[in-house]
Amino acid sequence: MEATIVREFGVSREEVYAAWTRAGRFARWFGPRIFATPVERVSLDVRPGGAWEATMVGDEGYEVTFGGVYREVEAPGRLVLTMGAPGGPVSVVTVLLEERDGVTTMRFRQDGDGAEQARAGWSEFFERLAEHLAVQRTSSKERPRP
């Protein structure tokens, strides 16, 4: 099974890559809106063979944890990682980032069991990612230049 999603963001690919690879930024968008992903519950060892884990926390303490291992890391253009919940099926996620004229195209692909069913979830995650990147873009424009 495979799910593919293509999104464009009006920021550099370095900004999108940072949102995938820095715990504080990842925590702001990873998960559906009904969950929070506390930064202290995110661990990203972004290197080939490095592990990652993120725990989403919902109402009444309900938790969902996803994690895996980075297979390929080519900053700022490519990430390949495994993903799954403990004891559940594992899939492979590939994120490709291409920038042109200040707009980054993210090509996301998930291969493995449950990938097609995960498409709706990822679409919501990426809506949150777009919101996070828009805030980042606005705040960086407001910073005074030296």
C-alpha atoms as a PDB file:
ATOM      1  CA  MET A   1       0.000   0.000   0.000  1.00  0.00           C
ATOM      2  CA  GLU A   2       1.179   3.522  -0.783  1.00  0.00           C
ATOM      3  CA  ALA A   3      -0.027   7.025  -0.002  1.00  0.00           C
ATOM      4  CA  THR A   4       1.385  10.094  -1.739  1.00  0.00           C
ATOM      5  CA  ILE A   5       0.719  13.722  -0.831  1.00  0.00           C
ATOM      6  CA  VAL A   6       2.225  16.794  -2.524  1.00  0.00           C
ATOM      7  CA  ARG A   7       2.069  20.173  -0.761  1.00  0.00           C
ATOM      8  CA  GLU A   8       3.558  23.588  -1.468  1.00  0.00           C
ATOM      9  CA  PHE A   9       4.730  25.981   1.227  1.00  0.00           C
ATOM     10  CA  GLY A  10       5.756  29.605   0.739  1.00  0.00           C
ATOM     11  CA  VAL A  11       9.025  29.175   2.653  1.00  0.00           C
ATOM     12  CA  SER A  12      12.496  27.823   1.928  1.00  0.00           C
ATOM     13  CA  ARG A  13      13.122  24.110   2.015  1.00  0.00           C
ATOM     14  CA  GLU A  14      15.438  24.736   4.990  1.00  0.00           C
ATOM     15  CA  GLU A  15      12.388  25.970   6.928  1.00  0.00           C
ATOM     16  CA  VAL A  16      10.319  22.916   5.988  1.00  0.00           C
ATOM     17  CA  TYR A  17      13.254  20.609   6.779  1.00  0.00           C
ATOM     18  CA  ALA A  18      13.650  22.280  10.192  1.00  0.00           C
ATOM     19  CA  ALA A  19       9.960  21.656  10.915  1.00  0.00           C
ATOM     20  CA  TRP A  20      10.618  17.942  10.314  1.00  0.00           C
ATOM     21  CA  THR A  21      13.916  17.732  12.193  1.00  0.00           C
ATOM     22  CA  ARG A  22      13.791  20.091  15.207  1.00  0.00           C
ATOM     23  CA  ALA A  23      11.796  18.797  18.158  1.00  0.00           C
ATOM     24  CA  GLY A  24      10.366  22.189  19.128  1.00  0.00           C
ATOM     25  CA  ARG A  25       9.043  22.774  15.638  1.00  0.00           C
ATOM     26  CA  PHE A  26       7.954  19.162  15.003  1.00  0.00           C
ATOM     27  CA  ALA A  27       5.840  19.258  18.181  1.00  0.00           C
ATOM     28  CA  ARG A  28       3.845  22.219  16.830  1.00  0.00           C
ATOM     29  CA  TRP A  29       2.355  20.354  13.885  1.00  0.00           C
ATOM     30  CA  PHE A  30       2.711  16.590  14.346  1.00  0.00           C
ATOM     31  CA  GLY A  31      -0.662  15.072  15.148  1.00  0.00           C
ATOM     32  CA  PRO A  32      -4.337  15.761  14.617  1.00  0.00           C
ATOM     33  CA  ARG A  33      -5.878  18.880  16.140  1.00  0.00           C
ATOM     34  CA  ILE A  34      -7.538  16.921  18.951  1.00  0.00           C
ATOM     35  CA  PHE A  35      -4.076  16.038  20.315  1.00  0.00           C
ATOM     36  CA  ALA A  36      -1.151  18.019  21.659  1.00  0.00           C
ATOM     37  CA  THR A  37       2.380  16.782  21.068  1.00  0.00           C
ATOM     38  CA  PRO A  38       4.394  18.174  23.988  1.00  0.00           C
ATOM     39  CA  VAL A  39       7.968  19.014  22.998  1.00  0.00           C
ATOM     40  CA  GLU A  40       9.251  17.067  25.993  1.00  0.00           C
ATOM     41  CA  ARG A  41       7.599  13.976  24.474  1.00  0.00           C
ATOM     42  CA  VAL A  42       9.443  14.364  21.140  1.00  0.00           C
ATOM     43  CA  SER A  43      12.867  12.831  20.515  1.00  0.00           C
ATOM     44  CA  LEU A  44      14.541  13.219  17.101  1.00  0.00           C
ATOM     45  CA  ASP A  45      18.029  11.762  16.527  1.00  0.00           C
ATOM     46  CA  VAL A  46      18.235  12.945  12.921  1.00  0.00           C
ATOM     47  CA  ARG A  47      20.993  10.801  11.407  1.00  0.00           C
ATOM     48  CA  PRO A  48      20.989   7.511   9.511  1.00  0.00           C
ATOM     49  CA  GLY A  49      20.243   4.835  12.106  1.00  0.00           C
ATOM     50  CA  GLY A  50      19.007   7.414  14.642  1.00  0.00           C
ATOM     51  CA  ALA A  51      15.684   6.842  16.364  1.00  0.00           C
ATOM     52  CA  TRP A  52      12.735   9.200  16.582  1.00  0.00           C
ATOM     53  CA  GLU A  53       9.637   9.134  18.770  1.00  0.00           C
ATOM     54  CA  ALA A  54       6.681  11.447  19.360  1.00  0.00           C
ATOM     55  CA  THR A  55       3.822  11.007  21.814  1.00  0.00           C
ATOM     56  CA  MET A  56       0.530  12.750  21.167  1.00  0.00           C
ATOM     57  CA  VAL A  57      -1.599  13.439  24.245  1.00  0.00           C
ATOM     58  CA  GLY A  58      -5.365  13.779  24.118  1.00  0.00           C
ATOM     59  CA  ASP A  59      -8.188  14.437  26.536  1.00  0.00           C
ATOM     60  CA  GLU A  60      -8.142  12.600  29.841  1.00  0.00           C
ATOM     61  CA  GLY A  61      -4.515  11.586  29.327  1.00  0.00           C
ATOM     62  CA  TYR A  62      -5.089   9.377  26.278  1.00  0.00           C
ATOM     63  CA  GLU A  63      -1.743   8.908  24.510  1.00  0.00           C
ATOM     64  CA  VAL A  64      -0.589   7.670  21.107  1.00  0.00           C
ATOM     65  CA  THR A  65       3.100   7.165  20.390  1.00  0.00           C
ATOM     66  CA  PHE A  66       4.712   6.858  16.977  1.00  0.00           C
ATOM     67  CA  GLY A  67       8.346   6.250  16.286  1.00  0.00           C
ATOM     68  CA  GLY A  68      10.917   4.667  14.041  1.00  0.00           C
ATOM     69  CA  VAL A  69      14.404   4.989  12.652  1.00  0.00           C
ATOM     70  CA  TYR A  70      15.902   7.386  10.128  1.00  0.00           C
ATOM     71  CA  ARG A  71      17.190   5.483   7.108  1.00  0.00           C
ATOM     72  CA  GLU A  72      18.393   8.408   4.984  1.00  0.00           C
ATOM     73  CA  VAL A  73      19.106  12.000   5.962  1.00  0.00           C
ATOM     74  CA  GLU A  74      20.178  14.449   3.257  1.00  0.00           C
ATOM     75  CA  ALA A  75      19.668  17.972   4.564  1.00  0.00           C
ATOM     76  CA  PRO A  76      17.745  19.945   3.484  1.00  0.00           C
ATOM     77  CA  GLY A  77      16.185  17.902   0.715  1.00  0.00           C
ATOM     78  CA  ARG A  78      15.439  14.328   1.741  1.00  0.00           C
ATOM     79  CA  LEU A  79      14.374  12.250   4.721  1.00  0.00           C
ATOM     80  CA  VAL A  80      13.552   8.554   4.738  1.00  0.00           C
ATOM     81  CA  LEU A  81      12.333   7.053   7.996  1.00  0.00           C
ATOM     82  CA  THR A  82      10.339   4.168   9.336  1.00  0.00           C
ATOM     83  CA  MET A  83       7.140   4.861  11.230  1.00  0.00           C
ATOM     84  CA  GLY A  84       4.828   2.880  13.421  1.00  0.00           C
ATOM     85  CA  ALA A  85       3.124   2.580  16.764  1.00  0.00           C
ATOM     86  CA  PRO A  86       4.630   0.143  19.269  1.00  0.00           C
ATOM     87  CA  GLY A  87       3.514  -3.351  18.327  1.00  0.00           C
ATOM     88  CA  GLY A  88       1.815  -2.143  15.146  1.00  0.00           C
ATOM     89  CA  PRO A  89       2.718  -2.302  11.474  1.00  0.00           C
ATOM     90  CA  VAL A  90       5.750  -0.344  10.316  1.00  0.00           C
ATOM     91  CA  SER A  91       5.789   1.732   7.160  1.00  0.00           C
ATOM     92  CA  VAL A  92       8.451   3.740   5.351  1.00  0.00           C
ATOM     93  CA  VAL A  93       8.028   7.495   4.943  1.00  0.00           C
ATOM     94  CA  THR A  94       9.943   9.483   2.314  1.00  0.00           C
ATOM     95  CA  VAL A  95       9.953  13.293   2.354  1.00  0.00           C
ATOM     96  CA  LEU A  96      11.461  15.136  -0.626  1.00  0.00           C
ATOM     97  CA  LEU A  97      11.813  18.927  -0.551  1.00  0.00           C
ATOM     98  CA  GLU A  98      12.396  20.987  -3.691  1.00  0.00           C
ATOM     99  CA  GLU A  99      12.526  24.787  -3.678  1.00  0.00           C
ATOM    100  CA  ARG A 100      11.911  27.194  -6.515  1.00  0.00           C
ATOM    101  CA  ASP A 101      11.513  30.964  -6.198  1.00  0.00           C
ATOM    102  CA  GLY A 102      11.008  30.757  -2.426  1.00  0.00           C
ATOM    103  CA  VAL A 103       8.307  28.096  -2.644  1.00  0.00           C
ATOM    104  CA  THR A 104       9.013  24.583  -1.400  1.00  0.00           C
ATOM    105  CA  THR A 105       7.268  21.562  -2.836  1.00  0.00           C
ATOM    106  CA  MET A 106       7.083  18.693  -0.368  1.00  0.00           C
ATOM    107  CA  ARG A 107       6.572  15.260  -1.878  1.00  0.00           C
ATOM    108  CA  PHE A 108       5.519  12.880   0.866  1.00  0.00           C
ATOM    109  CA  ARG A 109       5.166   9.130   0.359  1.00  0.00           C
ATOM    110  CA  GLN A 110       4.293   6.434   2.863  1.00  0.00           C
ATOM    111  CA  ASP A 111       4.736   2.803   1.870  1.00  0.00           C
ATOM    112  CA  GLY A 112       3.494  -0.138   3.914  1.00  0.00           C
ATOM    113  CA  ASP A 113       0.503  -1.475   5.797  1.00  0.00           C
ATOM    114  CA  GLY A 114      -2.054   1.178   6.600  1.00  0.00           C
ATOM    115  CA  ALA A 115      -0.520   3.812   4.321  1.00  0.00           C
ATOM    116  CA  GLU A 116      -3.696   4.466   2.342  1.00  0.00           C
ATOM    117  CA  GLN A 117      -5.787   4.747   5.517  1.00  0.00           C
ATOM    118  CA  ALA A 118      -3.240   7.221   6.937  1.00  0.00           C
ATOM    119  CA  ARG A 119      -3.713   9.685   4.057  1.00  0.00           C
ATOM    120  CA  ALA A 120      -6.513  11.641   5.796  1.00  0.00           C
ATOM    121  CA  GLY A 121      -4.478  11.871   8.993  1.00  0.00           C
ATOM    122  CA  TRP A 122      -1.406  13.156   7.180  1.00  0.00           C
ATOM    123  CA  SER A 123      -3.532  15.696   5.318  1.00  0.00           C
ATOM    124  CA  GLU A 124      -4.598  17.172   8.668  1.00  0.00           C
ATOM    125  CA  PHE A 125      -1.003  17.061   9.960  1.00  0.00           C
ATOM    126  CA  PHE A 126       0.141  18.959   6.861  1.00  0.00           C
ATOM    127  CA  GLU A 127      -2.574  21.589   7.319  1.00  0.00           C
ATOM    128  CA  ARG A 128      -1.061  22.191  10.745  1.00  0.00           C
ATOM    129  CA  LEU A 129       2.427  22.206   9.201  1.00  0.00           C
ATOM    130  CA  ALA A 130       1.310  24.887   6.718  1.00  0.00           C
ATOM    131  CA  GLU A 131      -0.060  26.985   9.591  1.00  0.00           C
ATOM    132  CA  HIS A 132       3.190  26.585  11.545  1.00  0.00           C
ATOM    133  CA  LEU A 133       5.291  27.576   8.535  1.00  0.00           C
ATOM    134  CA  ALA A 134       3.080  30.616   7.873  1.00  0.00           C
ATOM    135  CA  VAL A 135       3.644  31.780  11.457  1.00  0.00           C
ATOM    136  CA  GLN A 136       7.396  31.195  11.064  1.00  0.00           C
ATOM    137  CA  ARG A 137       7.411  33.200   7.820  1.00  0.00           C
ATOM    138  CA  THR A 138       5.494  36.086   9.416  1.00  0.00           C
ATOM    139  CA  SER A 139       7.689  36.208  12.516  1.00  0.00           C
ATOM    140  CA  SER A 140      10.905  36.092  10.468  1.00  0.00           C
ATOM    141  CA  LYS A 141       9.703  39.068   8.366  1.00  0.00           C
ATOM    142  CA  GLU A 142       9.055  41.036  11.548  1.00  0.00           C
ATOM    143  CA  ARG A 143      12.572  40.513  12.925  1.00  0.00           C
ATOM    144  CA  PRO A 144      14.770  43.580  12.529  1.00  0.00           C
ATOM    145  CA  ARG A 145      17.715  43.167  10.204  1.00  0.00           C
ATOM    146  CA  PRO A 146      21.172  43.999  11.559  1.00  0.00           C
END
